Amino acid sequence: MTDSPKKVKPKKVKPNKKDSQLLIRISSTEREQFIELCEELDTSAAREIRQFIRGFIKKNKPAN
């Protein structure tokens, strides 16, 4: 009995891969309030910040 070679699936490349970090400094009170609100709204702080950044870029990006 011979072993057949395994098929290897090519890795999918995501167009907007999250490969960078942004470090910000805020007061611990603001951080706590933000995290609590995100939890109440069933979202994550990272998701909300990414959404803000994308909207900010779209709004302020110069037209080509």
N, C-alpha and C. Protein backbone atom coordinates (compact mmCIF):
# COMPACT_ATOMS: atom_id res chain seq x y z
N MET A 1 0.85 -1.17 0.00
CA MET A 1 0.00 0.00 0.00
C MET A 1 0.89 1.24 0.00
N THR A 2 0.66 2.14 -0.92
CA THR A 2 1.48 3.35 -0.99
C THR A 2 0.71 4.53 -0.46
N ASP A 3 1.43 5.38 0.18
CA ASP A 3 0.80 6.60 0.71
C ASP A 3 0.71 7.63 -0.40
N SER A 4 -0.46 8.18 -0.56
CA SER A 4 -0.61 9.24 -1.56
C SER A 4 -0.17 10.56 -0.93
N PRO A 5 0.42 11.45 -1.74
CA PRO A 5 0.87 12.73 -1.18
C PRO A 5 -0.31 13.56 -0.69
N LYS A 6 -0.10 14.21 0.43
CA LYS A 6 -1.15 15.06 0.99
C LYS A 6 -1.26 16.34 0.19
N LYS A 7 -2.49 16.76 -0.03
CA LYS A 7 -2.70 18.03 -0.71
C LYS A 7 -2.58 19.15 0.31
N VAL A 8 -1.80 20.13 -0.02
CA VAL A 8 -1.60 21.27 0.87
C VAL A 8 -2.38 22.45 0.31
N LYS A 9 -3.27 22.98 1.13
CA LYS A 9 -4.05 24.14 0.70
C LYS A 9 -3.18 25.38 0.74
N PRO A 10 -3.24 26.19 -0.31
CA PRO A 10 -2.48 27.45 -0.25
C PRO A 10 -3.09 28.37 0.79
N LYS A 11 -2.22 29.10 1.49
CA LYS A 11 -2.71 30.02 2.51
C LYS A 11 -3.39 31.20 1.85
N LYS A 12 -4.53 31.58 2.41
CA LYS A 12 -5.24 32.75 1.91
C LYS A 12 -4.56 34.01 2.43
N VAL A 13 -4.39 34.96 1.55
CA VAL A 13 -3.78 36.23 1.94
C VAL A 13 -4.89 37.25 2.11
N LYS A 14 -5.01 37.77 3.31
CA LYS A 14 -6.03 38.78 3.58
C LYS A 14 -5.53 40.13 3.08
N PRO A 15 -6.39 40.87 2.38
CA PRO A 15 -5.93 42.15 1.82
C PRO A 15 -5.54 43.18 2.88
N ASN A 16 -6.23 43.23 3.99
CA ASN A 16 -5.93 44.20 5.04
C ASN A 16 -5.51 43.48 6.31
N LYS A 17 -4.47 42.69 6.19
CA LYS A 17 -3.99 41.91 7.33
C LYS A 17 -3.56 42.83 8.47
N LYS A 18 -3.98 42.48 9.66
CA LYS A 18 -3.62 43.26 10.85
C LYS A 18 -2.21 42.86 11.28
N ASP A 19 -1.23 43.66 10.86
CA ASP A 19 0.15 43.30 11.14
C ASP A 19 0.92 44.41 11.85
N SER A 20 0.21 45.34 12.44
CA SER A 20 0.87 46.45 13.11
C SER A 20 0.09 46.84 14.36
N GLN A 21 0.77 47.53 15.27
CA GLN A 21 0.13 47.97 16.50
C GLN A 21 0.27 49.47 16.64
N LEU A 22 -0.68 50.07 17.35
CA LEU A 22 -0.65 51.50 17.65
C LEU A 22 -0.76 51.62 19.17
N LEU A 23 0.22 52.23 19.77
CA LEU A 23 0.24 52.40 21.22
C LEU A 23 -0.20 53.81 21.55
N ILE A 24 -1.23 53.94 22.39
CA ILE A 24 -1.70 55.26 22.80
C ILE A 24 -1.69 55.35 24.32
N ARG A 25 -1.57 56.56 24.81
CA ARG A 25 -1.59 56.78 26.26
C ARG A 25 -2.86 57.56 26.59
N ILE A 26 -3.68 56.98 27.47
CA ILE A 26 -4.89 57.64 27.94
C ILE A 26 -4.98 57.44 29.44
N SER A 27 -5.83 58.21 30.08
CA SER A 27 -5.98 58.06 31.53
C SER A 27 -6.65 56.71 31.83
N SER A 28 -6.34 56.17 32.98
CA SER A 28 -6.92 54.88 33.36
C SER A 28 -8.43 54.99 33.50
N THR A 29 -8.92 56.15 33.90
CA THR A 29 -10.37 56.35 34.03
C THR A 29 -11.05 56.26 32.67
N GLU A 30 -10.48 56.95 31.68
CA GLU A 30 -11.05 56.89 30.32
C GLU A 30 -11.00 55.47 29.77
N ARG A 31 -9.89 54.79 30.02
CA ARG A 31 -9.75 53.42 29.53
C ARG A 31 -10.82 52.53 30.14
N GLU A 32 -10.99 52.61 31.45
CA GLU A 32 -12.00 51.79 32.14
C GLU A 32 -13.40 52.06 31.58
N GLN A 33 -13.74 53.34 31.42
CA GLN A 33 -15.06 53.70 30.90
C GLN A 33 -15.25 53.17 29.48
N PHE A 34 -14.22 53.30 28.66
CA PHE A 34 -14.30 52.83 27.28
C PHE A 34 -14.48 51.32 27.21
N ILE A 35 -13.68 50.60 27.97
CA ILE A 35 -13.78 49.13 28.00
C ILE A 35 -15.16 48.69 28.49
N GLU A 36 -15.66 49.31 29.55
CA GLU A 36 -16.98 48.96 30.08
C GLU A 36 -18.07 49.21 29.05
N LEU A 37 -18.01 50.36 28.38
CA LEU A 37 -19.01 50.66 27.35
C LEU A 37 -18.95 49.66 26.20
N CYS A 38 -17.77 49.31 25.78
CA CYS A 38 -17.63 48.33 24.71
C CYS A 38 -18.24 47.00 25.11
N GLU A 39 -17.99 46.57 26.34
CA GLU A 39 -18.57 45.32 26.82
C GLU A 39 -20.09 45.39 26.85
N GLU A 40 -20.63 46.52 27.32
CA GLU A 40 -22.09 46.70 27.37
C GLU A 40 -22.69 46.65 25.97
N LEU A 41 -21.94 47.14 24.98
CA LEU A 41 -22.42 47.18 23.60
C LEU A 41 -22.02 45.94 22.81
N ASP A 42 -21.47 44.94 23.51
CA ASP A 42 -21.06 43.67 22.90
C ASP A 42 -20.11 43.87 21.73
N THR A 43 -19.09 44.67 21.96
CA THR A 43 -18.06 44.90 20.96
C THR A 43 -16.71 44.93 21.67
N SER A 44 -15.65 45.06 20.93
CA SER A 44 -14.33 45.13 21.56
C SER A 44 -13.75 46.53 21.36
N ALA A 45 -12.87 46.90 22.26
CA ALA A 45 -12.22 48.21 22.16
C ALA A 45 -11.43 48.29 20.86
N ALA A 46 -10.72 47.23 20.53
CA ALA A 46 -9.91 47.22 19.30
C ALA A 46 -10.79 47.41 18.07
N ARG A 47 -11.93 46.74 18.04
CA ARG A 47 -12.84 46.87 16.89
C ARG A 47 -13.32 48.31 16.75
N GLU A 48 -13.68 48.92 17.85
CA GLU A 48 -14.18 50.30 17.80
C GLU A 48 -13.09 51.28 17.38
N ILE A 49 -11.88 51.07 17.85
CA ILE A 49 -10.78 51.96 17.46
C ILE A 49 -10.44 51.78 15.99
N ARG A 50 -10.42 50.52 15.51
CA ARG A 50 -10.17 50.29 14.08
C ARG A 50 -11.25 50.95 13.23
N GLN A 51 -12.50 50.84 13.66
CA GLN A 51 -13.61 51.45 12.93
C GLN A 51 -13.45 52.97 12.89
N PHE A 52 -13.05 53.56 14.02
CA PHE A 52 -12.82 55.01 14.05
C PHE A 52 -11.72 55.40 13.08
N ILE A 53 -10.61 54.66 13.09
CA ILE A 53 -9.47 54.98 12.23
C ILE A 53 -9.86 54.89 10.76
N ARG A 54 -10.58 53.83 10.38
CA ARG A 54 -11.01 53.69 8.98
C ARG A 54 -11.92 54.83 8.56
N GLY A 55 -12.86 55.21 9.43
CA GLY A 55 -13.75 56.33 9.13
C GLY A 55 -13.01 57.64 9.02
N PHE A 56 -12.05 57.85 9.90
CA PHE A 56 -11.24 59.07 9.90
C PHE A 56 -10.44 59.18 8.60
N ILE A 57 -9.84 58.07 8.19
CA ILE A 57 -9.07 58.06 6.94
C ILE A 57 -9.98 58.35 5.76
N LYS A 58 -11.12 57.68 5.72
CA LYS A 58 -12.06 57.87 4.60
C LYS A 58 -12.54 59.31 4.53
N LYS A 59 -12.84 59.89 5.67
CA LYS A 59 -13.36 61.26 5.73
C LYS A 59 -12.30 62.29 5.33
N ASN A 60 -11.06 62.07 5.73
CA ASN A 60 -10.02 63.07 5.56
C ASN A 60 -9.02 62.78 4.45
N LYS A 61 -9.18 61.67 3.75
CA LYS A 61 -8.26 61.30 2.68
C LYS A 61 -8.43 62.25 1.51
N PRO A 62 -7.34 62.83 1.02
CA PRO A 62 -7.46 63.73 -0.13
C PRO A 62 -7.93 62.98 -1.37
N ALA A 63 -8.76 63.64 -2.16
CA ALA A 63 -9.26 63.04 -3.39
C ALA A 63 -8.13 62.98 -4.42
N ASN A 64 -8.06 61.88 -5.15
CA ASN A 64 -7.01 61.73 -6.18
C ASN A 64 -7.43 62.34 -7.48
